[in-house]
């Protein structure tokens, strides 16, 4: 089985859920799991009007490292991580992690790991605008 991963940084272009589904390989998969992080209207006791995500370093390399970590820990068919940069409003998709695997447990666990690793990225700076 050919293994691959796709990493995309999308700037100022919305992430379309059907596009993500079309991009991920699923020829031998029994499970495909997706997670879409969205801009929420508040953080703690602060109301948010928008968030700007800026790069600080080699984002592509950090995403490649995350993908490599996932591939080393789980047996998966495919992995797609999309990370937006730029100005995002309430409800906009910030990032997406999609995993296809023969079994659901690997797909769920690896997707959850990918989501948590995206939150820890050191090459993305978040500037929140509060109202």
N, C-alpha and C. Protein backbone atom coordinates (compact mmCIF):
# COMPACT_ATOMS: atom_id res chain seq x y z
N UNK A 1 0.86 -1.18 0.00
CA UNK A 1 0.00 0.00 0.00
C UNK A 1 0.89 1.24 0.00
N UNK A 2 0.68 2.13 -0.93
CA UNK A 2 1.43 3.38 -1.00
C UNK A 2 0.96 4.30 0.11
N UNK A 3 1.92 4.82 0.88
CA UNK A 3 1.58 5.73 1.96
C UNK A 3 2.03 7.13 1.58
N UNK A 4 1.25 8.10 1.96
CA UNK A 4 1.60 9.48 1.67
C UNK A 4 0.97 10.35 2.72
N UNK A 5 1.36 11.59 2.74
CA UNK A 5 0.65 12.57 3.54
C UNK A 5 0.64 13.87 2.78
N UNK A 6 -0.35 14.66 3.05
CA UNK A 6 -0.49 15.94 2.39
C UNK A 6 -0.50 17.01 3.47
N UNK A 7 0.25 18.04 3.24
CA UNK A 7 0.27 19.18 4.15
C UNK A 7 -0.04 20.41 3.32
N UNK A 8 -0.98 21.20 3.76
CA UNK A 8 -1.32 22.43 3.05
C UNK A 8 -1.46 23.56 4.04
N UNK A 9 -0.97 24.71 3.66
CA UNK A 9 -1.27 25.92 4.41
C UNK A 9 -2.16 26.74 3.49
N UNK A 10 -3.33 27.08 3.96
CA UNK A 10 -4.29 27.81 3.14
C UNK A 10 -4.42 29.21 3.72
N UNK A 11 -4.09 30.21 2.95
CA UNK A 11 -4.17 31.58 3.44
C UNK A 11 -5.34 32.30 2.79
N UNK A 12 -6.25 32.78 3.60
CA UNK A 12 -7.40 33.55 3.14
C UNK A 12 -8.34 32.78 2.22
N UNK A 13 -8.23 31.46 2.22
CA UNK A 13 -9.12 30.63 1.42
C UNK A 13 -9.82 29.67 2.37
N UNK A 14 -11.14 29.70 2.44
CA UNK A 14 -11.86 28.80 3.35
C UNK A 14 -11.58 27.34 3.05
N UNK A 15 -11.61 26.52 4.09
CA UNK A 15 -11.44 25.08 3.96
C UNK A 15 -12.81 24.48 3.73
N UNK A 16 -12.98 23.78 2.64
CA UNK A 16 -14.25 23.12 2.33
C UNK A 16 -14.24 21.68 2.77
N UNK A 17 -15.16 21.27 3.66
CA UNK A 17 -15.18 19.88 4.13
C UNK A 17 -15.22 18.84 3.01
N UNK A 18 -15.98 19.08 1.94
CA UNK A 18 -16.05 18.10 0.85
C UNK A 18 -14.73 18.03 0.11
N UNK A 19 -14.02 19.14 0.03
CA UNK A 19 -12.70 19.15 -0.61
C UNK A 19 -11.74 18.26 0.17
N UNK A 20 -11.79 18.36 1.50
CA UNK A 20 -10.93 17.52 2.35
C UNK A 20 -11.27 16.04 2.11
N UNK A 21 -12.54 15.70 2.08
CA UNK A 21 -12.95 14.32 1.85
C UNK A 21 -12.45 13.83 0.49
N UNK A 22 -12.52 14.68 -0.53
CA UNK A 22 -12.06 14.29 -1.86
C UNK A 22 -10.54 14.09 -1.91
N UNK A 23 -9.79 14.86 -1.10
CA UNK A 23 -8.33 14.80 -1.15
C UNK A 23 -7.73 13.60 -0.43
N UNK A 24 -8.41 13.09 0.58
CA UNK A 24 -7.81 12.02 1.38
C UNK A 24 -8.03 10.65 0.71
N UNK A 25 -6.96 9.85 0.69
CA UNK A 25 -7.05 8.51 0.12
C UNK A 25 -7.90 7.62 1.03
N UNK A 26 -8.72 6.80 0.39
CA UNK A 26 -9.58 5.90 1.17
C UNK A 26 -9.80 4.57 0.44
N UNK A 27 -8.84 4.18 -0.39
CA UNK A 27 -8.99 2.95 -1.17
C UNK A 27 -9.04 1.70 -0.29
N UNK A 28 -8.25 1.67 0.80
CA UNK A 28 -8.24 0.50 1.68
C UNK A 28 -8.78 0.82 3.07
N UNK A 29 -9.30 2.01 3.24
CA UNK A 29 -9.75 2.46 4.56
C UNK A 29 -11.12 1.90 4.91
N UNK A 30 -11.27 1.58 6.19
CA UNK A 30 -12.57 1.23 6.73
C UNK A 30 -13.12 2.38 7.55
N UNK A 31 -12.26 3.40 7.76
CA UNK A 31 -12.66 4.54 8.57
C UNK A 31 -11.94 5.80 8.09
N UNK A 32 -12.68 6.88 8.01
CA UNK A 32 -12.10 8.20 7.73
C UNK A 32 -12.64 9.14 8.80
N UNK A 33 -11.71 9.78 9.54
CA UNK A 33 -12.09 10.67 10.62
C UNK A 33 -11.62 12.08 10.29
N UNK A 34 -12.49 13.06 10.53
CA UNK A 34 -12.18 14.47 10.28
C UNK A 34 -12.37 15.28 11.55
N UNK A 35 -11.56 16.30 11.70
CA UNK A 35 -11.78 17.30 12.74
C UNK A 35 -11.56 18.66 12.11
N UNK A 36 -12.50 19.56 12.35
CA UNK A 36 -12.39 20.94 11.89
C UNK A 36 -12.41 21.84 13.11
N UNK A 37 -11.33 22.57 13.33
CA UNK A 37 -11.29 23.57 14.42
C UNK A 37 -11.85 24.87 13.85
N UNK A 38 -12.73 25.52 14.61
CA UNK A 38 -13.34 26.77 14.15
C UNK A 38 -13.10 27.88 15.16
N UNK A 39 -13.17 29.11 14.67
CA UNK A 39 -13.03 30.28 15.55
C UNK A 39 -14.30 30.36 16.39
N UNK A 40 -14.11 30.35 17.70
CA UNK A 40 -15.26 30.42 18.60
C UNK A 40 -15.49 31.87 19.05
N UNK A 41 -16.70 32.18 19.50
CA UNK A 41 -17.05 33.57 19.83
C UNK A 41 -16.46 34.08 21.14
N UNK A 42 -15.92 33.18 21.97
CA UNK A 42 -15.35 33.65 23.23
C UNK A 42 -14.26 32.70 23.70
N UNK A 43 -13.33 33.26 24.47
CA UNK A 43 -12.30 32.49 25.13
C UNK A 43 -12.32 32.89 26.59
N UNK A 44 -12.70 31.97 27.43
CA UNK A 44 -12.85 32.32 28.84
C UNK A 44 -13.95 33.36 29.01
N UNK A 45 -13.59 34.47 29.63
CA UNK A 45 -14.57 35.54 29.84
C UNK A 45 -14.45 36.66 28.81
N UNK A 46 -13.67 36.45 27.75
CA UNK A 46 -13.47 37.46 26.70
C UNK A 46 -14.23 37.09 25.44
N UNK A 47 -14.94 38.07 24.86
CA UNK A 47 -15.62 37.87 23.59
C UNK A 47 -14.67 38.18 22.45
N UNK A 48 -14.66 37.30 21.47
CA UNK A 48 -13.77 37.42 20.33
C UNK A 48 -14.52 37.94 19.12
N UNK A 49 -13.90 38.86 18.37
CA UNK A 49 -14.50 39.29 17.11
C UNK A 49 -13.80 38.65 15.92
N UNK A 50 -12.49 38.38 16.06
CA UNK A 50 -11.74 37.70 15.01
C UNK A 50 -10.39 37.26 15.56
N UNK A 51 -9.72 36.44 14.78
CA UNK A 51 -8.37 35.98 15.13
C UNK A 51 -7.50 36.07 13.89
N UNK A 52 -6.28 36.54 14.08
CA UNK A 52 -5.31 36.53 12.99
C UNK A 52 -4.22 35.53 13.34
N UNK A 53 -3.92 34.65 12.40
CA UNK A 53 -2.86 33.67 12.56
C UNK A 53 -1.72 34.06 11.64
N UNK A 54 -0.54 34.27 12.23
CA UNK A 54 0.66 34.65 11.48
C UNK A 54 1.71 33.56 11.62
N UNK A 55 2.61 33.50 10.66
CA UNK A 55 3.69 32.52 10.72
C UNK A 55 4.90 33.11 11.41
N UNK A 56 5.63 32.24 12.10
CA UNK A 56 6.87 32.63 12.77
C UNK A 56 7.84 31.45 12.65
N UNK A 57 8.43 31.30 11.49
CA UNK A 57 9.32 30.18 11.26
C UNK A 57 8.80 29.30 10.13
N UNK A 58 9.35 28.11 10.04
CA UNK A 58 9.04 27.18 8.96
C UNK A 58 7.82 26.33 9.32
N UNK A 59 6.65 26.83 9.00
CA UNK A 59 5.40 26.13 9.31
C UNK A 59 5.33 24.80 8.57
N UNK A 60 5.75 24.79 7.31
CA UNK A 60 5.71 23.54 6.54
C UNK A 60 6.53 22.45 7.21
N UNK A 61 7.71 22.79 7.69
CA UNK A 61 8.56 21.80 8.35
C UNK A 61 7.91 21.29 9.64
N UNK A 62 7.31 22.18 10.42
CA UNK A 62 6.66 21.74 11.64
C UNK A 62 5.47 20.82 11.33
N UNK A 63 4.71 21.14 10.28
CA UNK A 63 3.60 20.26 9.88
C UNK A 63 4.11 18.91 9.40
N UNK A 64 5.22 18.90 8.67
CA UNK A 64 5.82 17.63 8.23
C UNK A 64 6.22 16.78 9.44
N UNK A 65 6.77 17.43 10.46
CA UNK A 65 7.17 16.70 11.67
C UNK A 65 5.95 16.09 12.37
N UNK A 66 4.86 16.84 12.44
CA UNK A 66 3.63 16.32 13.05
C UNK A 66 3.14 15.11 12.26
N UNK A 67 3.15 15.20 10.94
CA UNK A 67 2.72 14.08 10.11
C UNK A 67 3.62 12.87 10.32
N UNK A 68 4.90 13.09 10.42
CA UNK A 68 5.84 11.99 10.65
C UNK A 68 5.58 11.32 12.00
N UNK A 69 5.33 12.12 13.03
CA UNK A 69 5.01 11.57 14.35
C UNK A 69 3.79 10.66 14.28
N UNK A 70 2.77 11.13 13.58
CA UNK A 70 1.53 10.36 13.47
C UNK A 70 1.78 9.05 12.73
N UNK A 71 2.52 9.10 11.63
CA UNK A 71 2.81 7.90 10.85
C UNK A 71 3.62 6.88 11.65
N UNK A 72 4.49 7.38 12.53
CA UNK A 72 5.31 6.47 13.34
C UNK A 72 4.50 5.80 14.44
N UNK A 73 3.44 6.44 14.91
CA UNK A 73 2.66 5.91 16.04
C UNK A 73 1.48 5.04 15.62
N UNK A 74 0.91 5.27 14.44
CA UNK A 74 -0.29 4.56 14.01
C UNK A 74 -0.15 4.03 12.60
N UNK A 75 -0.84 2.95 12.33
CA UNK A 75 -0.91 2.37 10.99
C UNK A 75 -2.11 3.01 10.28
N UNK A 76 -1.82 3.96 9.42
CA UNK A 76 -2.88 4.69 8.72
C UNK A 76 -2.64 4.63 7.22
N UNK A 77 -3.71 4.86 6.46
CA UNK A 77 -3.57 4.89 5.00
C UNK A 77 -3.15 6.28 4.54
N UNK A 78 -3.80 7.30 5.07
CA UNK A 78 -3.51 8.65 4.60
C UNK A 78 -3.76 9.66 5.70
N UNK A 79 -3.17 10.82 5.53
CA UNK A 79 -3.25 11.89 6.51
C UNK A 79 -3.24 13.22 5.78
N UNK A 80 -4.16 14.09 6.14
CA UNK A 80 -4.23 15.41 5.53
C UNK A 80 -4.38 16.44 6.64
N UNK A 81 -3.44 17.36 6.72
CA UNK A 81 -3.51 18.45 7.69
C UNK A 81 -3.52 19.76 6.92
N UNK A 82 -4.52 20.57 7.20
CA UNK A 82 -4.63 21.88 6.57
C UNK A 82 -4.65 22.92 7.68
N UNK A 83 -3.82 23.94 7.55
CA UNK A 83 -3.71 25.00 8.57
C UNK A 83 -3.88 26.34 7.89
N UNK A 84 -4.87 27.10 8.33
CA UNK A 84 -5.09 28.42 7.76
C UNK A 84 -4.21 29.45 8.44
N UNK A 85 -3.86 30.46 7.69
CA UNK A 85 -3.20 31.64 8.22
C UNK A 85 -3.97 32.85 7.70
N UNK A 86 -3.79 33.98 8.36
CA UNK A 86 -4.51 35.18 7.96
C UNK A 86 -5.62 35.50 8.95
N UNK A 87 -6.46 36.45 8.58
CA UNK A 87 -7.56 36.93 9.42
C UNK A 87 -8.77 36.02 9.29
N UNK A 88 -9.25 35.49 10.43
CA UNK A 88 -10.41 34.60 10.43
C UNK A 88 -11.48 35.15 11.36
N UNK A 89 -12.73 34.95 10.97
CA UNK A 89 -13.86 35.44 11.75
C UNK A 89 -14.55 34.30 12.49
N UNK A 90 -15.48 34.65 13.35
CA UNK A 90 -16.24 33.66 14.12
C UNK A 90 -16.85 32.63 13.17
N UNK A 91 -16.65 31.35 13.49
CA UNK A 91 -17.21 30.27 12.68
C UNK A 91 -16.32 29.80 11.54
N UNK A 92 -15.28 30.57 11.19
CA UNK A 92 -14.38 30.15 10.12
C UNK A 92 -13.57 28.94 10.57
N UNK A 93 -13.25 28.08 9.64
CA UNK A 93 -12.43 26.91 9.94
C UNK A 93 -10.96 27.34 10.03
N UNK A 94 -10.34 27.01 11.16
CA UNK A 94 -8.94 27.33 11.42
C UNK A 94 -8.03 26.26 10.83
N UNK A 95 -8.40 25.01 11.09
CA UNK A 95 -7.56 23.90 10.64
C UNK A 95 -8.42 22.66 10.47
N UNK A 96 -7.81 21.70 9.77
CA UNK A 96 -8.47 20.42 9.57
C UNK A 96 -7.44 19.32 9.68
N UNK A 97 -7.83 18.25 10.35
CA UNK A 97 -7.03 17.03 10.38
C UNK A 97 -7.95 15.92 9.88
N UNK A 98 -7.49 15.20 8.88
CA UNK A 98 -8.25 14.08 8.34
C UNK A 98 -7.33 12.87 8.27
N UNK A 99 -7.84 11.73 8.71
CA UNK A 99 -7.06 10.49 8.73
C UNK A 99 -7.92 9.36 8.17
N UNK A 100 -7.32 8.57 7.28
CA UNK A 100 -7.98 7.35 6.83
C UNK A 100 -7.15 6.17 7.29
N UNK A 101 -7.85 5.13 7.70
CA UNK A 101 -7.19 3.94 8.25
C UNK A 101 -8.10 2.74 8.06
N UNK A 102 -7.50 1.57 8.13
CA UNK A 102 -8.29 0.34 8.02
C UNK A 102 -9.27 0.19 9.18
N UNK A 103 -8.87 0.71 10.35
CA UNK A 103 -9.69 0.55 11.55
C UNK A 103 -9.97 1.89 12.22
N UNK A 104 -11.13 2.01 12.84
CA UNK A 104 -11.56 3.29 13.42
C UNK A 104 -10.71 3.73 14.60
N UNK A 105 -10.23 2.81 15.42
CA UNK A 105 -9.46 3.21 16.59
C UNK A 105 -8.21 3.99 16.18
N UNK A 106 -7.47 3.49 15.19
CA UNK A 106 -6.27 4.20 14.72
C UNK A 106 -6.64 5.55 14.13
N UNK A 107 -7.73 5.60 13.39
CA UNK A 107 -8.15 6.86 12.78
C UNK A 107 -8.51 7.90 13.84
N UNK A 108 -9.30 7.51 14.84
CA UNK A 108 -9.69 8.45 15.90
C UNK A 108 -8.49 8.89 16.73
N UNK A 109 -7.66 7.94 17.16
CA UNK A 109 -6.52 8.28 18.01
C UNK A 109 -5.53 9.18 17.28
N UNK A 110 -5.22 8.86 16.05
CA UNK A 110 -4.25 9.66 15.31
C UNK A 110 -4.80 11.04 14.97
N UNK A 111 -6.08 11.14 14.69
CA UNK A 111 -6.70 12.44 14.42
C UNK A 111 -6.65 13.31 15.68
N UNK A 112 -7.00 12.73 16.82
CA UNK A 112 -6.96 13.47 18.09
C UNK A 112 -5.54 13.95 18.39
N UNK A 113 -4.57 13.10 18.16
CA UNK A 113 -3.17 13.48 18.36
C UNK A 113 -2.80 14.66 17.45
N UNK A 114 -3.20 14.58 16.18
CA UNK A 114 -2.92 15.65 15.23
C UNK A 114 -3.54 16.98 15.66
N UNK A 115 -4.77 16.93 16.14
CA UNK A 115 -5.46 18.14 16.62
C UNK A 115 -4.68 18.76 17.79
N UNK A 116 -4.29 17.93 18.74
CA UNK A 116 -3.55 18.44 19.89
C UNK A 116 -2.18 18.99 19.51
N UNK A 117 -1.51 18.36 18.54
CA UNK A 117 -0.21 18.86 18.09
C UNK A 117 -0.35 20.20 17.35
N UNK A 118 -1.44 20.39 16.62
CA UNK A 118 -1.66 21.68 15.95
C UNK A 118 -1.76 22.81 16.97
N UNK A 119 -2.39 22.54 18.10
CA UNK A 119 -2.53 23.55 19.15
C UNK A 119 -1.19 23.94 19.75
N UNK A 120 -0.20 23.06 19.66
CA UNK A 120 1.12 23.30 20.24
C UNK A 120 2.12 23.90 19.26
N UNK A 121 1.71 24.19 18.05
CA UNK A 121 2.66 24.66 17.04
C UNK A 121 3.35 25.95 17.48
N UNK A 122 4.67 25.94 17.38
CA UNK A 122 5.45 27.12 17.75
C UNK A 122 5.64 28.08 16.59
N UNK A 123 5.33 27.64 15.38
CA UNK A 123 5.53 28.49 14.20
C UNK A 123 4.28 29.27 13.79
N UNK A 124 3.23 29.16 14.58
CA UNK A 124 1.99 29.92 14.34
C UNK A 124 1.75 30.84 15.54
N UNK A 125 1.54 32.11 15.25
CA UNK A 125 1.23 33.09 16.30
C UNK A 125 -0.22 33.52 16.14
N UNK A 126 -0.94 33.46 17.26
CA UNK A 126 -2.37 33.78 17.28
C UNK A 126 -2.55 35.17 17.89
N UNK A 127 -3.22 36.05 17.14
CA UNK A 127 -3.54 37.39 17.64
C UNK A 127 -5.06 37.54 17.66
N UNK A 128 -5.60 37.48 18.86
CA UNK A 128 -7.06 37.52 19.02
C UNK A 128 -7.54 38.96 19.22
N UNK A 129 -8.60 39.31 18.51
CA UNK A 129 -9.23 40.62 18.67
C UNK A 129 -10.46 40.43 19.54
N UNK A 130 -10.45 41.08 20.71
CA UNK A 130 -11.57 40.95 21.63
C UNK A 130 -12.42 42.21 21.59
N UNK A 131 -13.70 42.03 21.93
CA UNK A 131 -14.64 43.17 21.94
C UNK A 131 -15.08 43.47 23.36
